[in-house]
N, C-alpha and C. Protein backbone atom coordinates (compact mmCIF):
# COMPACT_ATOMS: atom_id res chain seq x y z
N UNK A 1 -0.92 -24.99 -36.78
CA UNK A 1 -0.94 -24.86 -35.33
C UNK A 1 0.48 -24.75 -34.78
N UNK A 2 1.40 -25.55 -35.29
CA UNK A 2 2.77 -25.50 -34.78
C UNK A 2 3.40 -24.14 -35.06
N UNK A 3 3.02 -23.51 -36.20
CA UNK A 3 3.56 -22.20 -36.52
C UNK A 3 3.06 -21.15 -35.52
N UNK A 4 1.79 -21.26 -35.13
CA UNK A 4 1.23 -20.34 -34.14
C UNK A 4 1.95 -20.49 -32.81
N UNK A 5 2.23 -21.73 -32.40
CA UNK A 5 2.96 -21.96 -31.15
C UNK A 5 4.36 -21.34 -31.21
N UNK A 6 5.03 -21.51 -32.35
CA UNK A 6 6.35 -20.89 -32.51
C UNK A 6 6.27 -19.37 -32.44
N UNK A 7 5.23 -18.81 -33.06
CA UNK A 7 5.04 -17.37 -33.02
C UNK A 7 4.92 -16.88 -31.58
N UNK A 8 4.05 -17.49 -30.81
CA UNK A 8 3.85 -17.06 -29.43
C UNK A 8 5.09 -17.28 -28.57
N UNK A 9 5.81 -18.35 -28.84
CA UNK A 9 6.97 -18.66 -28.00
C UNK A 9 8.18 -17.80 -28.33
N UNK A 10 8.43 -17.53 -29.61
CA UNK A 10 9.68 -16.89 -29.99
C UNK A 10 9.54 -15.47 -30.55
N UNK A 11 8.41 -15.14 -31.12
CA UNK A 11 8.27 -13.83 -31.74
C UNK A 11 7.47 -12.88 -30.85
N UNK A 12 6.29 -13.31 -30.42
CA UNK A 12 5.47 -12.47 -29.56
C UNK A 12 5.98 -12.61 -28.14
N UNK A 13 6.70 -11.64 -27.68
CA UNK A 13 7.39 -11.74 -26.39
C UNK A 13 6.65 -11.00 -25.27
N UNK A 14 5.38 -10.65 -25.47
CA UNK A 14 4.66 -9.89 -24.45
C UNK A 14 4.63 -10.60 -23.11
N UNK A 15 4.56 -11.91 -23.12
CA UNK A 15 4.53 -12.67 -21.86
C UNK A 15 5.88 -12.67 -21.16
N UNK A 16 6.93 -12.27 -21.87
CA UNK A 16 8.27 -12.28 -21.28
C UNK A 16 8.80 -10.87 -20.98
N UNK A 17 8.17 -9.86 -21.56
CA UNK A 17 8.63 -8.48 -21.36
C UNK A 17 8.15 -7.92 -20.03
N UNK A 18 8.90 -6.97 -19.51
CA UNK A 18 8.50 -6.27 -18.29
C UNK A 18 7.22 -5.49 -18.55
N UNK A 19 6.35 -5.48 -17.57
CA UNK A 19 5.07 -4.78 -17.66
C UNK A 19 5.28 -3.30 -17.34
N UNK A 20 4.63 -2.46 -18.11
CA UNK A 20 4.60 -1.02 -17.82
C UNK A 20 3.17 -0.68 -17.43
N UNK A 21 2.91 -0.62 -16.12
CA UNK A 21 1.57 -0.33 -15.64
C UNK A 21 1.19 1.11 -15.97
N UNK A 22 -0.10 1.33 -16.21
CA UNK A 22 -0.60 2.68 -16.40
C UNK A 22 -0.41 3.48 -15.11
N UNK A 23 -0.34 4.78 -15.24
CA UNK A 23 -0.32 5.65 -14.07
C UNK A 23 -1.73 5.66 -13.50
N UNK A 24 -1.90 4.98 -12.38
CA UNK A 24 -3.24 4.79 -11.82
C UNK A 24 -3.92 6.11 -11.48
N UNK A 25 -3.14 7.11 -11.11
CA UNK A 25 -3.74 8.40 -10.75
C UNK A 25 -4.25 9.16 -11.98
N UNK A 26 -3.86 8.73 -13.17
CA UNK A 26 -4.25 9.42 -14.40
C UNK A 26 -5.51 8.85 -15.04
N UNK A 27 -6.04 7.75 -14.49
CA UNK A 27 -7.23 7.13 -15.07
C UNK A 27 -8.25 6.87 -13.96
N UNK A 28 -9.50 6.72 -14.38
CA UNK A 28 -10.55 6.41 -13.40
C UNK A 28 -10.40 4.97 -12.92
N UNK A 29 -11.03 4.66 -11.81
CA UNK A 29 -10.98 3.29 -11.28
C UNK A 29 -11.54 2.29 -12.29
N UNK A 30 -12.63 2.65 -12.96
CA UNK A 30 -13.22 1.72 -13.92
C UNK A 30 -12.29 1.50 -15.11
N UNK A 31 -11.63 2.56 -15.58
CA UNK A 31 -10.67 2.40 -16.69
C UNK A 31 -9.47 1.56 -16.25
N UNK A 32 -9.01 1.76 -15.04
CA UNK A 32 -7.89 0.98 -14.50
C UNK A 32 -8.27 -0.50 -14.44
N UNK A 33 -9.42 -0.79 -13.85
CA UNK A 33 -9.86 -2.18 -13.72
C UNK A 33 -10.05 -2.83 -15.08
N UNK A 34 -10.62 -2.09 -16.03
CA UNK A 34 -10.82 -2.63 -17.38
C UNK A 34 -9.46 -2.92 -18.03
N UNK A 35 -8.50 -2.00 -17.90
CA UNK A 35 -7.17 -2.21 -18.49
C UNK A 35 -6.49 -3.43 -17.87
N UNK A 36 -6.53 -3.54 -16.56
CA UNK A 36 -5.91 -4.69 -15.88
C UNK A 36 -6.56 -5.99 -16.36
N UNK A 37 -7.90 -6.02 -16.38
CA UNK A 37 -8.61 -7.23 -16.80
C UNK A 37 -8.33 -7.61 -18.25
N UNK A 38 -8.39 -6.63 -19.14
CA UNK A 38 -8.15 -6.91 -20.57
C UNK A 38 -6.71 -7.34 -20.81
N UNK A 39 -5.77 -6.72 -20.11
CA UNK A 39 -4.36 -7.11 -20.25
C UNK A 39 -4.17 -8.54 -19.76
N UNK A 40 -4.75 -8.88 -18.62
CA UNK A 40 -4.64 -10.23 -18.09
C UNK A 40 -5.25 -11.27 -19.02
N UNK A 41 -6.41 -10.97 -19.58
CA UNK A 41 -7.05 -11.92 -20.49
C UNK A 41 -6.24 -12.10 -21.77
N UNK A 42 -5.66 -11.02 -22.28
CA UNK A 42 -4.82 -11.12 -23.48
C UNK A 42 -3.58 -11.98 -23.20
N UNK A 43 -2.95 -11.76 -22.05
CA UNK A 43 -1.76 -12.55 -21.69
C UNK A 43 -2.12 -14.01 -21.42
N UNK A 44 -3.28 -14.25 -20.81
CA UNK A 44 -3.72 -15.63 -20.55
C UNK A 44 -3.92 -16.37 -21.87
N UNK A 45 -4.53 -15.70 -22.84
CA UNK A 45 -4.75 -16.30 -24.16
C UNK A 45 -3.41 -16.67 -24.80
N UNK A 46 -2.44 -15.77 -24.71
CA UNK A 46 -1.12 -16.04 -25.28
C UNK A 46 -0.42 -17.18 -24.54
N UNK A 47 -0.57 -17.22 -23.22
CA UNK A 47 0.05 -18.29 -22.44
C UNK A 47 -0.53 -19.64 -22.81
N UNK A 48 -1.85 -19.71 -22.94
CA UNK A 48 -2.51 -20.96 -23.33
C UNK A 48 -2.03 -21.39 -24.71
N UNK A 49 -1.96 -20.45 -25.65
CA UNK A 49 -1.52 -20.77 -27.01
C UNK A 49 -0.08 -21.23 -27.04
N UNK A 50 0.78 -20.59 -26.25
CA UNK A 50 2.20 -20.97 -26.26
C UNK A 50 2.41 -22.36 -25.68
N UNK A 51 1.47 -22.83 -24.85
CA UNK A 51 1.55 -24.18 -24.28
C UNK A 51 0.92 -25.22 -25.20
N UNK A 52 0.42 -24.79 -26.35
CA UNK A 52 -0.17 -25.73 -27.29
C UNK A 52 -1.68 -25.79 -27.24
N UNK A 53 -2.31 -24.98 -26.39
CA UNK A 53 -3.76 -24.96 -26.32
C UNK A 53 -4.34 -24.24 -27.53
N UNK A 54 -5.59 -24.56 -27.85
CA UNK A 54 -6.25 -23.93 -28.99
C UNK A 54 -7.43 -23.11 -28.48
N UNK A 55 -7.28 -21.78 -28.40
CA UNK A 55 -8.38 -20.93 -27.95
C UNK A 55 -9.58 -21.04 -28.90
N UNK A 56 -10.77 -21.18 -28.32
CA UNK A 56 -11.98 -21.29 -29.12
C UNK A 56 -12.87 -20.06 -28.99
N UNK A 57 -12.89 -19.47 -27.81
CA UNK A 57 -13.80 -18.34 -27.58
C UNK A 57 -13.34 -17.55 -26.36
N UNK A 58 -13.50 -16.23 -26.43
CA UNK A 58 -13.22 -15.37 -25.28
C UNK A 58 -14.51 -14.70 -24.83
N UNK A 59 -14.65 -14.55 -23.52
CA UNK A 59 -15.79 -13.85 -22.92
C UNK A 59 -17.13 -14.40 -23.39
N UNK A 60 -17.32 -15.69 -23.21
CA UNK A 60 -18.57 -16.34 -23.57
C UNK A 60 -19.63 -16.01 -22.52
N UNK A 61 -20.71 -15.36 -22.98
CA UNK A 61 -21.80 -14.97 -22.09
C UNK A 61 -23.12 -15.39 -22.73
N UNK A 62 -23.63 -16.56 -22.36
CA UNK A 62 -24.89 -17.02 -22.94
C UNK A 62 -26.07 -16.16 -22.50
N UNK A 63 -27.14 -16.21 -23.26
CA UNK A 63 -28.33 -15.38 -22.99
C UNK A 63 -28.93 -15.63 -21.62
N UNK A 64 -28.93 -16.85 -21.19
CA UNK A 64 -29.61 -17.18 -19.93
C UNK A 64 -28.67 -17.16 -18.73
N UNK A 65 -27.61 -16.42 -18.84
CA UNK A 65 -26.70 -16.28 -17.72
C UNK A 65 -25.48 -17.18 -17.83
N UNK A 66 -24.52 -16.88 -17.02
CA UNK A 66 -23.26 -17.60 -17.05
C UNK A 66 -22.19 -16.75 -17.71
N UNK A 67 -20.96 -17.16 -17.50
CA UNK A 67 -19.85 -16.38 -18.03
C UNK A 67 -18.58 -17.22 -17.98
N UNK A 68 -17.88 -17.28 -19.10
CA UNK A 68 -16.59 -17.98 -19.16
C UNK A 68 -15.61 -17.05 -19.86
N UNK A 69 -14.49 -16.74 -19.20
CA UNK A 69 -13.50 -15.83 -19.79
C UNK A 69 -12.84 -16.42 -21.02
N UNK A 70 -12.49 -17.70 -20.97
CA UNK A 70 -11.76 -18.32 -22.07
C UNK A 70 -12.16 -19.79 -22.19
N UNK A 71 -12.57 -20.17 -23.40
CA UNK A 71 -12.85 -21.57 -23.71
C UNK A 71 -11.74 -22.00 -24.67
N UNK A 72 -11.08 -23.10 -24.33
CA UNK A 72 -9.99 -23.56 -25.20
C UNK A 72 -9.85 -25.08 -25.13
N UNK A 73 -9.18 -25.63 -26.15
CA UNK A 73 -8.88 -27.06 -26.17
C UNK A 73 -7.45 -27.26 -25.75
N UNK A 74 -7.27 -28.22 -24.87
CA UNK A 74 -5.94 -28.62 -24.42
C UNK A 74 -5.81 -30.09 -24.79
N UNK A 75 -5.32 -30.34 -25.99
CA UNK A 75 -5.31 -31.71 -26.50
C UNK A 75 -6.76 -32.14 -26.74
N UNK A 76 -7.16 -33.22 -26.11
CA UNK A 76 -8.53 -33.73 -26.25
C UNK A 76 -9.48 -33.18 -25.20
N UNK A 77 -8.97 -32.32 -24.33
CA UNK A 77 -9.78 -31.79 -23.23
C UNK A 77 -10.28 -30.39 -23.57
N UNK A 78 -11.55 -30.16 -23.28
CA UNK A 78 -12.15 -28.84 -23.43
C UNK A 78 -12.04 -28.13 -22.09
N UNK A 79 -11.44 -26.95 -22.07
CA UNK A 79 -11.23 -26.22 -20.82
C UNK A 79 -12.05 -24.94 -20.80
N UNK A 80 -12.72 -24.72 -19.67
CA UNK A 80 -13.46 -23.49 -19.41
C UNK A 80 -12.66 -22.75 -18.34
N UNK A 81 -12.12 -21.59 -18.68
CA UNK A 81 -11.19 -20.92 -17.77
C UNK A 81 -11.70 -19.57 -17.29
N UNK A 82 -11.44 -19.31 -16.03
CA UNK A 82 -11.62 -17.99 -15.43
C UNK A 82 -10.24 -17.36 -15.32
N UNK A 83 -10.11 -16.14 -15.80
CA UNK A 83 -8.84 -15.42 -15.73
C UNK A 83 -8.94 -14.40 -14.60
N UNK A 84 -8.02 -14.47 -13.66
CA UNK A 84 -7.98 -13.52 -12.54
C UNK A 84 -6.65 -12.79 -12.60
N UNK A 85 -6.72 -11.47 -12.72
CA UNK A 85 -5.52 -10.65 -12.84
C UNK A 85 -5.43 -9.70 -11.66
N UNK A 86 -4.24 -9.59 -11.12
CA UNK A 86 -3.98 -8.68 -10.00
C UNK A 86 -2.66 -7.95 -10.26
N UNK A 87 -2.50 -6.81 -9.60
CA UNK A 87 -1.24 -6.06 -9.71
C UNK A 87 -0.38 -6.24 -8.47
N UNK A 88 -0.83 -7.08 -7.55
CA UNK A 88 -0.03 -7.42 -6.38
C UNK A 88 -0.62 -8.67 -5.75
N UNK A 89 0.16 -9.30 -4.90
CA UNK A 89 -0.34 -10.46 -4.17
C UNK A 89 -0.61 -10.09 -2.71
N UNK A 90 -0.76 -8.80 -2.47
CA UNK A 90 -0.97 -8.29 -1.13
C UNK A 90 -2.19 -8.92 -0.45
N UNK A 91 -3.21 -9.20 -1.23
CA UNK A 91 -4.44 -9.76 -0.67
C UNK A 91 -4.61 -11.24 -1.02
N UNK A 92 -3.51 -11.93 -1.30
CA UNK A 92 -3.56 -13.35 -1.60
C UNK A 92 -3.45 -13.64 -3.09
N UNK A 93 -3.52 -14.90 -3.41
CA UNK A 93 -3.44 -15.35 -4.80
C UNK A 93 -4.72 -14.98 -5.54
N UNK A 94 -4.63 -14.65 -6.82
CA UNK A 94 -5.82 -14.30 -7.59
C UNK A 94 -6.90 -15.38 -7.57
N UNK A 95 -6.51 -16.64 -7.59
CA UNK A 95 -7.49 -17.74 -7.61
C UNK A 95 -8.38 -17.73 -6.38
N UNK A 96 -7.90 -17.16 -5.29
CA UNK A 96 -8.71 -17.10 -4.07
C UNK A 96 -9.94 -16.23 -4.25
N UNK A 97 -9.95 -15.38 -5.26
CA UNK A 97 -11.09 -14.50 -5.52
C UNK A 97 -12.21 -15.21 -6.28
N UNK A 98 -11.98 -16.44 -6.70
CA UNK A 98 -13.02 -17.20 -7.41
C UNK A 98 -13.86 -17.92 -6.35
N UNK A 99 -14.95 -17.27 -5.97
CA UNK A 99 -15.81 -17.82 -4.92
C UNK A 99 -16.89 -18.73 -5.52
N UNK A 100 -17.76 -19.24 -4.67
CA UNK A 100 -18.79 -20.18 -5.12
C UNK A 100 -19.74 -19.53 -6.13
N UNK A 101 -20.04 -18.27 -5.93
CA UNK A 101 -20.92 -17.55 -6.86
C UNK A 101 -20.29 -17.46 -8.25
N UNK A 102 -19.00 -17.15 -8.30
CA UNK A 102 -18.29 -17.06 -9.58
C UNK A 102 -18.19 -18.43 -10.23
N UNK A 103 -17.91 -19.46 -9.43
CA UNK A 103 -17.85 -20.82 -9.98
C UNK A 103 -19.19 -21.20 -10.59
N UNK A 104 -20.29 -20.82 -9.92
CA UNK A 104 -21.62 -21.14 -10.44
C UNK A 104 -21.86 -20.47 -11.80
N UNK A 105 -21.38 -19.24 -11.97
CA UNK A 105 -21.51 -18.55 -13.26
C UNK A 105 -20.71 -19.27 -14.35
N UNK A 106 -19.52 -19.72 -14.01
CA UNK A 106 -18.67 -20.42 -14.97
C UNK A 106 -19.31 -21.76 -15.35
N UNK A 107 -19.81 -22.48 -14.36
CA UNK A 107 -20.47 -23.76 -14.61
C UNK A 107 -21.70 -23.56 -15.49
N UNK A 108 -22.46 -22.51 -15.21
CA UNK A 108 -23.64 -22.22 -16.02
C UNK A 108 -23.24 -21.91 -17.47
N UNK A 109 -22.16 -21.15 -17.63
CA UNK A 109 -21.67 -20.86 -18.97
C UNK A 109 -21.20 -22.12 -19.69
N UNK A 110 -20.51 -22.99 -18.97
CA UNK A 110 -20.05 -24.25 -19.57
C UNK A 110 -21.23 -25.12 -19.98
N UNK A 111 -22.25 -25.16 -19.13
CA UNK A 111 -23.47 -25.91 -19.45
C UNK A 111 -24.09 -25.41 -20.75
N UNK A 112 -24.17 -24.08 -20.90
CA UNK A 112 -24.74 -23.50 -22.11
C UNK A 112 -23.89 -23.83 -23.34
N UNK A 113 -22.57 -23.80 -23.18
CA UNK A 113 -21.66 -24.13 -24.28
C UNK A 113 -21.89 -25.58 -24.73
N UNK A 114 -21.91 -26.48 -23.76
CA UNK A 114 -22.10 -27.90 -24.07
C UNK A 114 -23.48 -28.17 -24.67
N UNK A 115 -24.48 -27.47 -24.17
CA UNK A 115 -25.84 -27.63 -24.71
C UNK A 115 -25.88 -27.18 -26.17
N UNK A 116 -25.20 -26.06 -26.47
CA UNK A 116 -25.16 -25.56 -27.85
C UNK A 116 -24.47 -26.54 -28.79
N UNK A 117 -23.55 -27.34 -28.24
CA UNK A 117 -22.85 -28.35 -29.05
C UNK A 117 -23.62 -29.66 -29.11
N UNK A 118 -24.77 -29.73 -28.47
CA UNK A 118 -25.55 -30.97 -28.46
C UNK A 118 -25.06 -31.97 -27.44
N UNK A 119 -24.45 -31.48 -26.37
CA UNK A 119 -23.94 -32.32 -25.27
C UNK A 119 -23.07 -33.47 -25.77
N UNK A 120 -21.97 -33.13 -26.43
CA UNK A 120 -21.09 -34.18 -26.96
C UNK A 120 -20.39 -34.95 -25.84
N UNK A 121 -19.93 -36.13 -26.18
CA UNK A 121 -19.12 -36.92 -25.25
C UNK A 121 -17.73 -36.32 -25.28
N UNK A 122 -17.46 -35.45 -24.35
CA UNK A 122 -16.17 -34.76 -24.33
C UNK A 122 -15.70 -34.63 -22.89
N UNK A 123 -14.41 -34.77 -22.72
CA UNK A 123 -13.81 -34.56 -21.40
C UNK A 123 -13.56 -33.06 -21.26
N UNK A 124 -13.96 -32.51 -20.14
CA UNK A 124 -13.72 -31.08 -19.94
C UNK A 124 -13.35 -30.82 -18.49
N UNK A 125 -12.85 -29.61 -18.28
CA UNK A 125 -12.43 -29.23 -16.93
C UNK A 125 -12.61 -27.72 -16.75
N UNK A 126 -12.50 -27.30 -15.50
CA UNK A 126 -12.59 -25.90 -15.16
C UNK A 126 -11.23 -25.44 -14.65
N UNK A 127 -10.63 -24.50 -15.36
CA UNK A 127 -9.31 -23.97 -15.00
C UNK A 127 -9.44 -22.55 -14.45
N UNK A 128 -8.43 -22.16 -13.70
CA UNK A 128 -8.26 -20.76 -13.31
C UNK A 128 -6.88 -20.35 -13.78
N UNK A 129 -6.83 -19.22 -14.47
CA UNK A 129 -5.55 -18.69 -14.94
C UNK A 129 -5.26 -17.43 -14.14
N UNK A 130 -4.18 -17.48 -13.38
CA UNK A 130 -3.77 -16.33 -12.57
C UNK A 130 -2.74 -15.51 -13.34
N UNK A 131 -2.93 -14.20 -13.34
CA UNK A 131 -1.97 -13.29 -13.97
C UNK A 131 -1.63 -12.21 -12.95
N UNK A 132 -0.34 -12.06 -12.67
CA UNK A 132 0.13 -11.01 -11.76
C UNK A 132 0.93 -10.01 -12.59
N UNK A 133 0.49 -8.76 -12.58
CA UNK A 133 1.16 -7.69 -13.31
C UNK A 133 1.84 -6.77 -12.30
N UNK A 134 3.15 -6.73 -12.33
CA UNK A 134 3.90 -5.83 -11.45
C UNK A 134 4.80 -4.96 -12.32
N UNK A 135 4.78 -3.67 -12.05
CA UNK A 135 5.53 -2.72 -12.86
C UNK A 135 7.01 -3.07 -12.92
N UNK A 136 7.54 -3.13 -14.14
CA UNK A 136 8.96 -3.40 -14.33
C UNK A 136 9.34 -4.87 -14.31
N UNK A 137 8.36 -5.76 -14.12
CA UNK A 137 8.64 -7.20 -14.10
C UNK A 137 7.81 -7.90 -15.17
N UNK A 138 8.31 -9.02 -15.70
CA UNK A 138 7.48 -9.79 -16.62
C UNK A 138 6.23 -10.30 -15.89
N UNK A 139 5.13 -10.47 -16.61
CA UNK A 139 3.93 -10.97 -15.95
C UNK A 139 4.14 -12.39 -15.44
N UNK A 140 3.58 -12.68 -14.28
CA UNK A 140 3.61 -14.04 -13.74
C UNK A 140 2.27 -14.68 -14.11
N UNK A 141 2.32 -15.76 -14.87
CA UNK A 141 1.10 -16.41 -15.35
C UNK A 141 1.12 -17.86 -14.89
N UNK A 142 0.04 -18.26 -14.23
CA UNK A 142 -0.06 -19.64 -13.75
C UNK A 142 -1.41 -20.21 -14.15
N UNK A 143 -1.39 -21.34 -14.85
CA UNK A 143 -2.62 -22.04 -15.23
C UNK A 143 -2.86 -23.14 -14.20
N UNK A 144 -3.97 -23.04 -13.50
CA UNK A 144 -4.35 -24.06 -12.53
C UNK A 144 -5.39 -24.95 -13.22
N UNK A 145 -4.93 -26.10 -13.68
CA UNK A 145 -5.82 -27.01 -14.40
C UNK A 145 -6.73 -27.74 -13.41
N UNK A 146 -7.97 -27.95 -13.83
CA UNK A 146 -8.96 -28.64 -13.00
C UNK A 146 -9.03 -28.01 -11.60
N UNK A 147 -9.14 -26.69 -11.57
CA UNK A 147 -9.14 -25.95 -10.31
C UNK A 147 -10.36 -26.24 -9.46
N UNK A 148 -11.46 -26.59 -10.10
CA UNK A 148 -12.68 -26.94 -9.36
C UNK A 148 -13.56 -27.82 -10.24
N UNK A 149 -14.56 -28.41 -9.63
CA UNK A 149 -15.52 -29.25 -10.35
C UNK A 149 -16.92 -28.70 -10.08
N UNK A 150 -17.87 -29.19 -10.84
CA UNK A 150 -19.26 -28.79 -10.65
C UNK A 150 -19.92 -29.83 -9.75
N UNK A 151 -20.24 -29.46 -8.52
CA UNK A 151 -20.81 -30.43 -7.58
C UNK A 151 -22.19 -30.90 -8.00
N UNK A 152 -22.41 -32.18 -7.89
CA UNK A 152 -23.72 -32.82 -8.07
C UNK A 152 -24.34 -32.64 -9.45
N UNK A 153 -23.57 -32.26 -10.44
CA UNK A 153 -24.17 -32.07 -11.76
C UNK A 153 -23.54 -32.96 -12.82
N UNK A 154 -22.47 -33.64 -12.45
CA UNK A 154 -21.78 -34.47 -13.43
C UNK A 154 -20.86 -33.66 -14.33
N UNK A 155 -20.74 -32.37 -14.06
CA UNK A 155 -19.86 -31.53 -14.88
C UNK A 155 -18.48 -31.46 -14.28
N UNK A 156 -17.48 -31.41 -15.10
CA UNK A 156 -16.10 -31.25 -14.65
C UNK A 156 -15.40 -32.57 -14.48
N UNK A 157 -14.08 -32.47 -14.33
CA UNK A 157 -13.28 -33.70 -14.20
C UNK A 157 -13.21 -34.13 -12.76
């Protein structure tokens, strides 16, 4: 694990390099959105790993609904994270786009994950990872730990 952390911190410099955005006029809107989302999720995974987190699963989508972008361990805590990526802050912080409907999907996904594990006695939380990609600048990545809780269900910190 320590070797992986060293790799992400000192060898894999994608989180520190300037971003080269695609030429938006050369791709369709759906391709643009997919590229932005996939790039943000890849960078979020690297950021979590460089901080000592242990990624467990990406894009968890249980059969009965729900969705979690990234499941990872942060020490003894299990984190269910939503990754929000933007190419500008013109319309506010990326975390502001995580509305009640999206939170409900994440909570449902976390419930399915915990059920699959047999509902272990584990501390967990819901994080939001913001990624800002601006052409010519290194990505800005912010992990908001315990960004929200699951109301009235006993889920979350």
